[in-house]
């Protein structure tokens, strides 16, 4: 049985809009309009957090920005 710790990070729309998603003026968000080459920026973020032992649980996209929910094992009990 494992025990986990959790972390939530937020990324404002101004700094994240160009990275992975696009939100229209009415707040509808779409992953289908990813600018070319921007997937690599998301991959870098995931790999950096992963090296620290964090696993991405979920991302929530909204007009104001993105929230990322992470977890990592703090105790691994056999």
Foldseek 3Di string as FASTA:
>chain_A
DFDKDKDKDWDFCVRPCQQAWHADPVWDIDRPPHDPPSPVVVVVVQVVVVVVQWDWDDWDDTPGTIMTMIMGTPDDDD
